[in-house]
Amino acid sequence: MAKMLQKIAFTFMTLIYKVDPHFIPNDGLFAADIKVPLDPATPRPAMNLPEYQRITASEVQMDLFRPDQDLKRVPDLLYPVFHPSEAKPPKSSTSTYKPVGMLCHLDRIYVRVLKSLFTNPDAYKYLKVGSCAVNQATDTHYYVLYALNGCDGQRQENQDSVIYSNTLRYEPEETTELVVRELPFSVGLECHYHKHHRSYQLGYYPEVFKETIFVGLTSGASITHVDERGDVLLPVRSYSIGEPMYFEVKAHSRDTAGRRVYLNKCYISASEDLTATPTYTVLDNYGCLVDGKQNAQSKFYPSTDESTVRFSVASVLFKDLISQPKDKRIMFVHCEMTLGPQTPTPSAKSCTYDLSTKRWTELLGDDSVCTCCDTSCPAPESSDTATMMISSNPWEIV
């Protein structure tokens, strides 16, 4: 089984990201009804895996290949990579002309407009793509041919593509007549050029924490986006303002026996830099989820083991990011984690504020340890308490 997993992992790391969105090989990546033998001594049938597979960069979840001390089954998210659905046949072309058409070449762009759209025989004088006028015509069409970066166009990028955009505008002269015989219009134009990536250029790089680890926690810790059931979500997420976000903090140290994970403080920032400002505090005072006083979606949830703590907060956006485009509205959550006693104390607790009762409640222990949340809770007395600053993956506010 280990060899099979190694083969799958090796095959994945030699894949090529997709260039043509309609290209999906259909050569049978898995045998159609593989019967797994019950006898362990009987060799399992070999999988017919590809040498490489074309997929978009945004579909590759590098987080699934984080180093781990234990062997795990191949995640379900990788199954479509090795066993894609059959390619849909391309739509049959028709002879009917579209009102506006365009061709995206390597270094130039053609835009074609039907003459029958216009009643004015001099319409070409008022037709432009960006700053470029019509430069060719036939009996049926007007044409604008221009360089890829010409005509005052815009260039943008995302994870998968380089995008060149412009606007086709028709702006006829104003008339002094009582009636109008034609109206101005505009049409957005975009050319998408797929990026080329190689998986061996995108290797997994371990995260380096800037804070000092005082003691213990030799294997580190993590904070992960999860859903309300605790299932891990994709590394890069997007949320609407006010939408609940769920996080799981987990200590990967082997020295957690007899101790439980707690959070001392958490704050939201627009930067992965722990010292950046501004920040919005959601948890403070050694385990008090203070954001719960503003929103009922902020609360702690029971976790499956003592090395894990789960909580949720409502998504927020800093005022100075409101006017920014969506890809600039990036947020992070940073938390200080600690290992504490099994029984919660005023210095190590997980307290949620109940807006309906106006009271603090402890997730696992006596609610009395939360009474200091409205004032000042004592710092841990033990000098060997382990603390660590951890940061989440980014998310977008849309």
Protein backbone atom coordinates (compact mmCIF):
# COMPACT_ATOMS: atom_id res chain seq x y z
CA MET A 1 0.00 0.00 0.00
CA ALA A 2 2.87 2.34 0.85
CA LYS A 3 4.43 1.74 -2.58
CA MET A 4 1.14 2.49 -4.28
CA LEU A 5 0.82 5.78 -2.37
CA GLN A 6 4.41 6.69 -3.26
CA LYS A 7 3.66 6.03 -6.91
CA ILE A 8 0.59 8.24 -6.80
CA ALA A 9 2.48 11.05 -5.03
CA PHE A 10 5.39 10.80 -7.50
CA THR A 11 3.00 10.87 -10.44
CA PHE A 12 1.22 13.94 -9.07
CA MET A 13 4.47 15.83 -8.67
CA THR A 14 5.19 15.40 -12.41
CA LEU A 15 1.87 16.81 -13.62
CA ILE A 16 1.65 19.81 -15.96
CA TYR A 17 -0.89 22.54 -15.39
CA LYS A 18 -3.60 22.89 -18.00
CA VAL A 19 -3.11 25.17 -21.01
CA ASP A 20 -6.18 24.24 -23.03
CA PRO A 21 -9.39 24.21 -20.88
CA HIS A 22 -11.00 21.69 -23.23
CA PHE A 23 -8.09 19.23 -23.18
CA ILE A 24 -8.77 16.31 -20.85
CA PRO A 25 -7.18 12.97 -21.86
CA ASN A 26 -9.60 10.08 -22.00
CA ASP A 27 -7.27 7.15 -21.80
CA GLY A 28 -8.69 5.34 -18.74
CA LEU A 29 -6.65 6.41 -15.75
CA PHE A 30 -8.00 3.74 -13.45
CA ALA A 31 -9.02 0.23 -14.33
CA ALA A 32 -12.82 0.11 -14.58
CA ASP A 33 -13.91 -2.25 -11.76
CA ILE A 34 -10.78 -3.05 -9.74
CA LYS A 35 -11.39 -5.89 -7.33
CA VAL A 36 -9.19 -5.62 -4.24
CA PRO A 37 -8.14 -9.15 -3.18
CA LEU A 38 -9.00 -10.16 0.36
CA ASP A 39 -5.79 -12.16 0.77
CA PRO A 40 -2.99 -9.74 1.83
CA ALA A 41 -0.43 -12.03 0.23
CA THR A 42 -2.02 -11.60 -3.19
CA PRO A 43 -0.51 -8.61 -5.03
CA ARG A 44 -2.94 -5.81 -5.74
CA PRO A 45 -3.57 -4.84 -9.37
CA ALA A 46 -1.48 -1.94 -10.59
CA MET A 47 -3.24 1.35 -11.34
CA ASN A 48 -2.94 2.74 -14.83
CA LEU A 49 -1.72 6.21 -13.83
CA PRO A 50 -0.68 8.91 -16.32
CA GLU A 51 2.83 10.30 -16.66
CA TYR A 52 1.37 13.79 -16.29
CA GLN A 53 -2.00 15.48 -16.09
CA ARG A 54 -3.06 18.96 -17.25
CA ILE A 55 -5.05 20.94 -14.67
CA THR A 56 -5.43 24.59 -13.77
CA ALA A 57 -3.08 25.96 -11.12
CA SER A 58 -5.99 26.97 -8.89
CA GLU A 59 -7.10 23.32 -8.68
CA VAL A 60 -3.79 22.17 -7.17
CA GLN A 61 -4.04 21.96 -3.38
CA MET A 62 -0.40 21.99 -2.26
CA ASP A 63 -1.60 21.90 1.35
CA LEU A 64 -2.62 18.27 0.82
CA PHE A 65 1.06 17.39 0.53
CA ARG A 66 2.20 18.86 3.82
CA PRO A 67 4.77 16.58 5.49
CA ASP A 68 3.21 14.28 8.09
CA GLN A 69 4.64 11.69 10.44
CA ASP A 70 2.00 9.08 9.52
CA LEU A 71 0.95 7.45 6.26
CA LYS A 72 -2.48 8.52 5.05
CA ARG A 73 -4.80 7.50 2.25
CA VAL A 74 -4.82 9.66 -0.86
CA PRO A 75 -7.27 12.55 -0.24
CA ASP A 76 -10.56 12.48 -2.13
CA LEU A 77 -9.75 15.88 -3.66
CA LEU A 78 -6.96 14.25 -5.70
CA TYR A 79 -9.23 11.64 -7.27
CA PRO A 80 -10.47 13.95 -10.07
CA VAL A 81 -6.83 14.74 -10.91
CA PHE A 82 -6.08 11.10 -11.72
CA HIS A 83 -9.58 10.14 -12.85
CA PRO A 84 -11.13 13.14 -14.66
CA SER A 85 -14.59 13.07 -16.15
CA GLU A 86 -14.89 12.62 -19.88
CA ALA A 87 -14.31 15.71 -21.98
CA LYS A 88 -17.43 17.34 -23.31
CA PRO A 89 -17.56 17.50 -27.11
CA PRO A 90 -16.99 21.03 -28.41
CA LYS A 91 -20.07 22.93 -29.41
CA SER A 92 -20.75 22.83 -33.12
CA SER A 93 -20.08 26.11 -34.83
CA THR A 94 -22.81 27.84 -36.79
CA SER A 95 -22.62 30.07 -39.81
CA THR A 96 -24.56 32.85 -38.06
CA TYR A 97 -22.38 35.86 -37.38
CA LYS A 98 -22.24 37.19 -33.84
CA PRO A 99 -22.77 40.95 -33.46
CA VAL A 100 -19.31 41.34 -31.92
CA GLY A 101 -16.49 38.83 -32.25
CA MET A 102 -12.80 38.79 -31.39
CA LEU A 103 -9.70 36.69 -31.94
CA CYS A 104 -6.86 36.66 -29.41
CA HIS A 105 -3.47 36.09 -31.03
CA LEU A 106 -0.08 35.85 -29.40
CA ASP A 107 0.81 39.50 -29.98
CA ARG A 108 -2.36 41.16 -31.31
CA ILE A 109 -6.14 41.20 -31.09
CA TYR A 110 -8.80 41.32 -33.81
CA VAL A 111 -12.23 42.80 -33.05
CA ARG A 112 -15.02 42.38 -35.59
CA VAL A 113 -18.41 44.20 -35.53
CA LEU A 114 -21.40 43.52 -37.79
CA LYS A 115 -22.31 46.46 -40.01
CA SER A 116 -25.99 45.49 -39.83
CA LEU A 117 -26.03 46.70 -36.20
CA PHE A 118 -25.98 50.27 -37.46
CA THR A 119 -28.33 52.41 -39.54
CA ASN A 120 -25.74 55.13 -40.00
CA PRO A 121 -23.48 54.50 -43.03
CA ASP A 122 -20.74 56.48 -41.29
CA ALA A 123 -20.92 54.43 -38.08
CA TYR A 124 -17.23 53.50 -38.35
CA LYS A 125 -16.33 57.11 -37.51
CA TYR A 126 -17.83 56.71 -34.04
CA LEU A 127 -16.71 53.14 -33.31
CA LYS A 128 -13.55 52.57 -31.24
CA VAL A 129 -11.78 49.95 -29.17
CA GLY A 130 -10.20 51.92 -26.35
CA SER A 131 -8.36 54.71 -28.18
CA CYS A 132 -8.14 52.85 -31.53
CA ALA A 133 -10.48 53.56 -34.47
CA VAL A 134 -11.72 51.14 -37.13
CA ASN A 135 -8.84 50.34 -39.48
CA GLN A 136 -10.45 47.86 -41.89
CA ALA A 137 -13.90 47.07 -43.32
CA THR A 138 -15.64 44.55 -45.57
CA ASP A 139 -19.15 44.38 -46.97
CA THR A 140 -20.40 42.83 -43.71
CA HIS A 141 -18.04 43.91 -40.92
CA TYR A 142 -15.94 46.65 -39.39
CA TYR A 143 -12.54 45.54 -38.01
CA VAL A 144 -10.15 46.88 -35.40
CA LEU A 145 -6.71 45.24 -35.35
CA TYR A 146 -4.36 46.34 -32.60
CA ALA A 147 -1.31 45.25 -30.62
CA LEU A 148 -1.85 43.23 -27.46
CA ASN A 149 -0.86 46.09 -25.14
CA GLY A 150 -2.20 48.90 -27.35
CA CYS A 151 -5.32 51.09 -27.47
CA ASP A 152 -5.09 51.96 -23.74
CA GLY A 153 -6.05 48.42 -22.72
CA GLN A 154 -5.62 46.96 -19.25
CA ARG A 155 -3.43 44.01 -18.21
CA GLN A 156 -4.32 41.87 -15.17
CA GLU A 157 -3.26 38.53 -13.75
CA ASN A 158 -4.77 35.80 -11.61
CA GLN A 159 -3.46 32.41 -10.57
CA ASP A 160 -4.24 30.77 -13.91
CA SER A 161 -4.23 33.48 -16.58
CA VAL A 162 -2.89 36.79 -17.89
CA ILE A 163 -5.89 38.89 -18.97
CA TYR A 164 -5.89 41.77 -21.47
CA SER A 165 -9.11 43.80 -21.41
CA ASN A 166 -10.53 46.78 -23.27
CA THR A 167 -13.90 48.27 -24.19
CA LEU A 168 -15.63 48.55 -27.55
CA ARG A 169 -17.57 51.84 -27.66
CA TYR A 170 -20.00 53.31 -30.14
CA GLU A 171 -20.59 57.02 -29.49
CA PRO A 172 -22.55 58.70 -32.32
CA GLU A 173 -22.82 62.45 -32.59
CA GLU A 174 -25.56 64.14 -30.60
CA THR A 175 -28.53 65.18 -32.71
CA THR A 176 -30.69 68.30 -32.54
CA GLU A 177 -33.74 66.45 -33.87
CA LEU A 178 -36.78 65.72 -31.75
CA VAL A 179 -36.20 61.96 -31.95
CA VAL A 180 -33.12 59.76 -31.57
CA ARG A 181 -32.41 57.15 -34.22
CA GLU A 182 -29.48 55.35 -32.65
CA LEU A 183 -28.08 54.89 -29.17
CA PRO A 184 -24.52 54.64 -27.89
CA PHE A 185 -23.32 51.34 -26.44
CA SER A 186 -20.24 49.69 -25.02
CA VAL A 187 -19.07 46.07 -24.86
CA GLY A 188 -16.33 44.73 -22.57
CA LEU A 189 -13.59 42.71 -24.28
CA GLU A 190 -11.20 40.23 -22.66
CA CYS A 191 -8.45 37.91 -23.87
CA HIS A 192 -7.27 35.22 -21.44
CA TYR A 193 -3.80 33.72 -21.88
CA HIS A 194 -3.18 30.62 -19.75
CA LYS A 195 -0.05 30.52 -17.66
CA HIS A 196 2.40 27.62 -17.83
CA HIS A 197 3.59 26.07 -14.56
CA ARG A 198 5.50 22.94 -13.69
CA SER A 199 4.72 21.14 -10.46
CA TYR A 200 8.41 20.60 -9.63
CA GLN A 201 8.76 24.41 -9.52
CA LEU A 202 6.08 24.66 -6.84
CA GLY A 203 7.55 22.48 -4.13
CA TYR A 204 6.29 22.58 -0.58
CA TYR A 205 8.18 25.03 1.61
CA PRO A 206 7.87 24.78 5.39
CA GLU A 207 6.51 27.80 7.23
CA VAL A 208 9.00 29.69 9.38
CA PHE A 209 7.56 31.30 12.50
CA LYS A 210 9.09 34.58 13.60
CA GLU A 211 8.17 34.21 17.26
CA THR A 212 10.25 32.38 19.85
CA ILE A 213 9.11 29.03 21.17
CA PHE A 214 9.93 29.09 24.85
CA VAL A 215 9.59 25.37 25.70
CA GLY A 216 8.03 22.21 24.31
CA LEU A 217 5.89 22.16 21.18
CA THR A 218 8.77 20.54 19.35
CA SER A 219 6.60 19.66 16.35
CA GLY A 220 4.87 23.04 16.03
CA ALA A 221 1.21 23.91 15.64
CA SER A 222 -1.23 25.07 12.99
CA ILE A 223 -4.45 27.02 12.54
CA THR A 224 -6.66 25.74 9.73
CA HIS A 225 -9.87 26.79 7.98
CA VAL A 226 -12.60 24.20 8.66
CA ASP A 227 -16.36 24.02 8.21
CA GLU A 228 -18.96 23.79 11.00
CA ARG A 229 -18.39 20.00 11.18
CA GLY A 230 -14.62 20.39 11.57
CA ASP A 231 -13.74 19.19 8.04
CA VAL A 232 -10.70 20.91 6.54
CA LEU A 233 -11.46 23.44 3.78
CA LEU A 234 -9.34 24.61 0.86
CA PRO A 235 -6.29 26.71 1.83
CA VAL A 236 -7.53 29.90 0.15
CA ARG A 237 -11.10 30.83 1.06
CA SER A 238 -13.45 33.74 0.34
CA TYR A 239 -16.13 35.06 2.68
CA SER A 240 -18.81 37.72 2.63
CA ILE A 241 -18.78 40.32 5.39
CA GLY A 242 -20.53 38.90 8.45
CA GLU A 243 -20.28 35.28 7.26
CA PRO A 244 -19.11 32.86 10.00
CA MET A 245 -15.56 31.53 9.69
CA TYR A 246 -14.50 28.35 11.49
CA PHE A 247 -10.94 27.63 12.60
CA GLU A 248 -9.15 24.69 14.16
CA VAL A 249 -5.96 25.16 16.18
CA LYS A 250 -3.93 21.99 16.60
CA ALA A 251 -0.70 21.28 18.47
CA HIS A 252 1.46 18.76 16.63
CA SER A 253 3.81 18.29 19.58
CA ARG A 254 4.26 14.83 21.03
CA ASP A 255 4.47 16.34 24.53
CA THR A 256 0.78 17.19 24.90
CA ALA A 257 -0.06 14.18 27.07
CA GLY A 258 -1.86 15.35 30.19
CA ARG A 259 -2.19 18.90 28.88
CA ARG A 260 -4.81 20.72 26.81
CA VAL A 261 -4.53 23.36 24.07
CA TYR A 262 -5.72 26.88 24.94
CA LEU A 263 -5.61 30.25 23.18
CA ASN A 264 -4.31 33.31 25.02
CA LYS A 265 -5.22 35.87 22.32
CA CYS A 266 -6.25 36.09 18.65
CA TYR A 267 -6.51 39.06 16.32
CA ILE A 268 -7.38 39.66 12.66
CA SER A 269 -4.96 41.56 10.43
CA ALA A 270 -4.66 42.44 6.75
CA SER A 271 -1.06 41.19 6.70
CA GLU A 272 0.82 38.00 7.46
CA ASP A 273 3.26 40.21 9.40
CA LEU A 274 2.50 39.69 13.10
CA THR A 275 3.44 43.31 13.90
CA ALA A 276 1.36 44.98 11.15
CA THR A 277 -1.47 47.40 11.99
CA PRO A 278 -4.37 47.83 12.19
CA THR A 279 -5.58 44.73 14.01
CA TYR A 280 -8.99 43.62 15.29
CA THR A 281 -8.98 41.59 18.53
CA VAL A 282 -11.37 38.65 18.59
CA LEU A 283 -9.94 36.76 21.61
CA ASP A 284 -8.07 38.15 24.60
CA ASN A 285 -7.51 37.93 28.35
CA TYR A 286 -6.22 34.32 28.28
CA GLY A 287 -9.13 32.63 26.51
CA CYS A 288 -12.05 35.11 26.44
CA LEU A 289 -13.70 35.26 22.99
CA VAL A 290 -14.43 39.00 23.31
CA ASP A 291 -15.84 39.31 19.78
CA GLY A 292 -18.84 37.35 21.10
CA LYS A 293 -20.05 40.56 22.74
CA GLN A 294 -20.53 42.00 19.23
CA ASN A 295 -21.66 38.95 17.27
CA ALA A 296 -23.35 35.71 18.32
CA GLN A 297 -21.39 33.79 15.66
CA SER A 298 -18.23 34.02 17.78
CA LYS A 299 -18.01 30.94 19.98
CA PHE A 300 -15.91 27.92 20.93
CA TYR A 301 -16.83 24.39 19.78
CA PRO A 302 -16.02 20.99 21.28
CA SER A 303 -13.07 19.27 19.59
CA THR A 304 -12.17 15.65 19.08
CA ASP A 305 -9.04 15.58 21.23
CA GLU A 306 -7.13 17.60 23.80
CA SER A 307 -4.55 18.83 21.27
CA THR A 308 -7.22 20.69 19.29
CA VAL A 309 -9.41 23.72 19.93
CA ARG A 310 -12.07 25.02 17.53
CA PHE A 311 -13.75 28.41 17.36
CA SER A 312 -15.70 30.62 14.98
CA VAL A 313 -15.87 34.37 14.37
CA ALA A 314 -17.80 36.53 11.91
CA SER A 315 -15.76 37.87 8.99
CA VAL A 316 -14.92 41.58 9.08
CA LEU A 317 -13.19 44.08 6.77
CA PHE A 318 -11.10 47.11 7.68
CA LYS A 319 -12.56 50.42 6.49
CA ASP A 320 -9.50 51.35 4.43
CA LEU A 321 -9.94 48.16 2.35
CA ILE A 322 -13.56 48.83 1.31
CA SER A 323 -12.53 50.61 -1.91
CA GLN A 324 -9.90 47.98 -2.77
CA PRO A 325 -10.54 45.27 -5.41
CA LYS A 326 -11.46 41.81 -4.15
CA ASP A 327 -7.98 40.36 -4.66
CA LYS A 328 -6.58 43.06 -2.34
CA ARG A 329 -9.02 42.36 0.50
CA ILE A 330 -6.80 39.71 2.09
CA MET A 331 -7.14 38.92 5.80
CA PHE A 332 -5.34 36.68 8.32
CA VAL A 333 -5.95 35.56 11.89
CA HIS A 334 -2.99 35.31 14.30
CA CYS A 335 -3.24 33.47 17.63
CA GLU A 336 -1.03 32.88 20.65
CA MET A 337 -1.41 29.24 21.65
CA THR A 338 -0.44 27.57 24.91
CA LEU A 339 -0.58 24.18 26.62
CA GLY A 340 -2.33 24.18 29.97
CA PRO A 341 -3.94 21.90 32.55
CA GLN A 342 -6.77 19.50 31.82
CA THR A 343 -9.11 21.48 34.06
CA PRO A 344 -9.66 25.07 32.89
CA THR A 345 -8.45 27.92 35.11
CA PRO A 346 -8.78 31.73 34.89
CA SER A 347 -5.38 31.68 33.15
CA ALA A 348 -6.15 28.85 30.70
CA LYS A 349 -9.73 28.61 29.46
CA SER A 350 -12.09 28.72 26.45
CA CYS A 351 -14.88 31.17 27.30
CA THR A 352 -17.79 32.14 25.03
CA TYR A 353 -20.07 35.13 25.66
CA ASP A 354 -23.80 34.32 25.39
CA LEU A 355 -25.56 37.41 24.04
CA SER A 356 -28.98 36.10 25.03
CA THR A 357 -28.11 35.58 28.73
CA LYS A 358 -25.32 38.20 28.96
CA ARG A 359 -23.08 35.59 30.61
CA TRP A 360 -19.73 33.94 29.97
CA THR A 361 -19.65 30.12 29.64
CA GLU A 362 -16.63 27.82 29.66
CA LEU A 363 -16.42 25.17 26.92
CA LEU A 364 -15.43 22.25 29.15
CA GLY A 365 -15.17 23.40 32.74
CA ASP A 366 -16.79 25.53 35.42
CA ASP A 367 -18.17 28.87 34.18
CA SER A 368 -16.69 30.59 37.23
CA VAL A 369 -13.24 30.67 35.57
CA CYS A 370 -14.73 33.13 33.04
CA THR A 371 -15.80 35.77 35.57
CA CYS A 372 -12.56 37.69 35.03
CA CYS A 373 -13.28 38.11 31.28
CA ASP A 374 -14.95 41.48 31.95
CA THR A 375 -11.95 42.73 33.95
CA SER A 376 -8.42 41.34 33.87
CA CYS A 377 -7.53 37.65 34.06
CA PRO A 378 -4.30 36.52 35.76
CA ALA A 379 -1.33 35.38 33.70
CA PRO A 380 -0.25 31.73 34.02
CA GLU A 381 1.89 31.16 37.11
CA SER A 382 3.91 28.24 35.77
CA SER A 383 7.25 29.30 34.30
CA ASP A 384 7.35 26.31 31.94
CA THR A 385 4.16 27.20 30.10
CA ALA A 386 4.69 26.77 26.36
CA THR A 387 3.44 29.56 24.07
CA MET A 388 3.58 29.98 20.31
CA MET A 389 2.27 32.50 17.75
CA ILE A 390 0.55 30.84 14.78
CA SER A 391 -1.08 32.32 11.68
CA SER A 392 -3.80 31.11 9.36
CA ASN A 393 -3.78 30.90 5.60
CA PRO A 394 -5.19 34.08 4.00
CA TRP A 395 -8.81 34.56 2.98
CA GLU A 396 -10.57 37.08 0.72
CA ILE A 397 -13.55 39.28 1.53
CA VAL A 398 -15.89 39.47 -1.47
